[in-house]
C-alpha atoms as a PDB file:
ATOM      1  CA  MET A   1      52.960 125.864 -23.697  1.00  0.00           C
ATOM      2  CA  PHE A   2      51.190 123.611 -21.119  1.00  0.00           C
ATOM      3  CA  LEU A   3      50.354 123.982 -17.842  1.00  0.00           C
ATOM      4  CA  HIS A   4      50.747 121.006 -15.601  1.00  0.00           C
ATOM      5  CA  LEU A   5      47.734 120.217 -13.428  1.00  0.00           C
ATOM      6  CA  SER A   6      48.246 116.869 -11.569  1.00  0.00           C
ATOM      7  CA  ARG A   7      48.754 113.307 -12.189  1.00  0.00           C
ATOM      8  CA  ASN A   8      50.136 113.542 -15.544  1.00  0.00           C
ATOM      9  CA  GLU A   9      47.246 115.666 -16.782  1.00  0.00           C
ATOM     10  CA  SER A  10      48.462 118.994 -18.650  1.00  0.00           C
ATOM     11  CA  VAL A  11      46.376 121.856 -20.756  1.00  0.00           C
ATOM     12  CA  LEU A  12      47.739 123.945 -23.757  1.00  0.00           C
ATOM     13  CA  LYS A  13      47.832 127.270 -21.873  1.00  0.00           C
ATOM     14  CA  LYS A  14      45.512 128.831 -24.840  1.00  0.00           C
ATOM     15  CA  GLU A  15      42.537 126.358 -24.051  1.00  0.00           C
ATOM     16  CA  ILE A  16      42.311 128.088 -20.264  1.00  0.00           C
ATOM     17  CA  ILE A  17      39.565 129.564 -20.105  1.00  0.00           C
ATOM     18  CA  GLY A  18      39.961 130.448 -16.094  1.00  0.00           C
ATOM     19  CA  ILE A  19      41.653 129.316 -12.844  1.00  0.00           C
ATOM     20  CA  PHE A  20      39.548 129.452  -9.846  1.00  0.00           C
ATOM     21  CA  ASP A  21      39.883 129.063  -6.073  1.00  0.00           C
ATOM     22  CA  ILE A  22      37.126 126.392  -5.247  1.00  0.00           C
ATOM     23  CA  ASP A  23      36.352 127.858  -2.167  1.00  0.00           C
ATOM     24  CA  THR A  24      35.246 131.568  -3.363  1.00  0.00           C
ATOM     25  CA  ALA A  25      34.121 130.575  -6.852  1.00  0.00           C
ATOM     26  CA  SER A  26      31.682 127.705  -5.600  1.00  0.00           C
ATOM     27  CA  ILE A  27      29.990 130.083  -3.307  1.00  0.00           C
ATOM     28  CA  SER A  28      27.618 131.514  -6.224  1.00  0.00           C
ATOM     29  CA  ALA A  29      24.725 129.332  -7.190  1.00  0.00           C
ATOM     30  CA  ASP A  30      25.120 129.970 -10.747  1.00  0.00           C
ATOM     31  CA  THR A  31      28.433 128.551 -10.643  1.00  0.00           C
ATOM     32  CA  ARG A  32      27.445 125.665  -8.602  1.00  0.00           C
ATOM     33  CA  ALA A  33      24.762 125.140 -11.020  1.00  0.00           C
ATOM     34  CA  PHE A  34      27.261 125.134 -14.114  1.00  0.00           C
ATOM     35  CA  LEU A  35      29.516 122.685 -12.142  1.00  0.00           C
ATOM     36  CA  ALA A  36      26.628 120.228 -11.651  1.00  0.00           C
ATOM     37  CA  LYS A  37      26.160 120.424 -15.275  1.00  0.00           C
ATOM     38  CA  LEU A  38      29.586 119.523 -16.194  1.00  0.00           C
ATOM     39  CA  GLN A  39      29.577 116.867 -13.893  1.00  0.00           C
ATOM     40  CA  GLU A  40      26.482 115.804 -15.131  1.00  0.00           C
ATOM     41  CA  ASN A  41      27.760 115.712 -18.984  1.00  0.00           C
ATOM     42  CA  LYS A  42      30.860 114.082 -17.484  1.00  0.00           C
ATOM     43  CA  ARG A  43      33.244 116.935 -18.170  1.00  0.00           C
ATOM     44  CA  VAL A  44      34.889 116.793 -14.968  1.00  0.00           C
ATOM     45  CA  VAL A  45      38.333 115.342 -14.280  1.00  0.00           C
ATOM     46  CA  ASN A  46      39.241 115.139 -10.686  1.00  0.00           C
ATOM     47  CA  LEU A  47      43.078 115.119 -10.017  1.00  0.00           C
ATOM     48  CA  CYS A  48      42.683 114.829  -6.249  1.00  0.00           C
ATOM     49  CA  ASP A  49      44.209 112.480  -3.737  1.00  0.00           C
ATOM     50  CA  ASP A  50      43.394 115.247  -1.096  1.00  0.00           C
ATOM     51  CA  LEU A  51      41.381 118.299  -0.500  1.00  0.00           C
ATOM     52  CA  PRO A  52      40.900 120.022  -4.009  1.00  0.00           C
ATOM     53  CA  LYS A  53      41.970 123.522  -3.636  1.00  0.00           C
ATOM     54  CA  SER A  54      40.925 125.123  -7.466  1.00  0.00           C
ATOM     55  CA  PHE A  55      39.535 123.986 -10.755  1.00  0.00           C
ATOM     56  CA  VAL A  56      40.638 125.075 -14.260  1.00  0.00           C
ATOM     57  CA  LEU A  57      38.059 125.406 -16.938  1.00  0.00           C
ATOM     58  CA  ALA A  58      39.305 124.308 -20.425  1.00  0.00           C
ATOM     59  CA  ASP A  59      38.015 124.913 -23.918  1.00  0.00           C
ATOM     60  CA  ASN A  60      39.389 122.570 -27.036  1.00  0.00           C
ATOM     61  CA  GLU A  61      37.674 121.886 -30.163  1.00  0.00           C
ATOM     62  CA  LEU A  62      35.625 119.203 -28.807  1.00  0.00           C
ATOM     63  CA  CYS A  63      34.512 120.332 -25.423  1.00  0.00           C
ATOM     64  CA  GLU A  64      34.400 122.462 -22.255  1.00  0.00           C
ATOM     65  CA  SER A  65      36.158 120.361 -19.560  1.00  0.00           C
ATOM     66  CA  LEU A  66      37.011 121.226 -15.806  1.00  0.00           C
ATOM     67  CA  TYR A  67      39.898 120.017 -13.970  1.00  0.00           C
ATOM     68  CA  ILE A  68      39.643 119.785 -10.549  1.00  0.00           C
ATOM     69  CA  THR A  69      42.997 119.957  -8.541  1.00  0.00           C
ATOM     70  CA  GLN A  70      44.734 120.008  -5.022  1.00  0.00           C
ATOM     71  CA  ILE A  71      47.397 122.717  -6.289  1.00  0.00           C
ATOM     72  CA  SER A  72      46.199 126.243  -5.635  1.00  0.00           C
ATOM     73  CA  ALA A  73      45.064 128.739  -8.313  1.00  0.00           C
ATOM     74  CA  ALA A  74      47.847 131.151  -7.107  1.00  0.00           C
ATOM     75  CA  SER A  75      50.663 128.342  -7.776  1.00  0.00           C
ATOM     76  CA  LEU A  76      48.897 127.776 -11.100  1.00  0.00           C
ATOM     77  CA  LYS A  77      48.568 131.424 -12.299  1.00  0.00           C
ATOM     78  CA  LYS A  78      52.317 131.630 -11.173  1.00  0.00           C
ATOM     79  CA  ARG A  79      52.735 128.739 -13.797  1.00  0.00           C
ATOM     80  CA  THR A  80      51.112 130.492 -16.438  1.00  0.00           C
ATOM     81  CA  ASP A  81      53.099 133.366 -15.956  1.00  0.00           C
ATOM     82  CA  ILE A  82      56.525 131.740 -16.160  1.00  0.00           C
ATOM     83  CA  TYR A  83      56.500 131.328 -19.938  1.00  0.00           C
END
């Protein structure tokens, strides 16, 4: 099954490592450093037209990717629980 993130972008649910609220997760210096490293390695996919609300960390056989979306973490979590 897939989780739709925004802008015709979806990820396999089995590849999702975590769904995070952008306001609470980015408080930690370690998390900010991790996000900066992903950005530096061009592993961040920005799916926002507006203010971002959450990010999804996914890992497939090729690499880890971070998807920034304006859909709330709670809504994304509910979508994963439906199926």
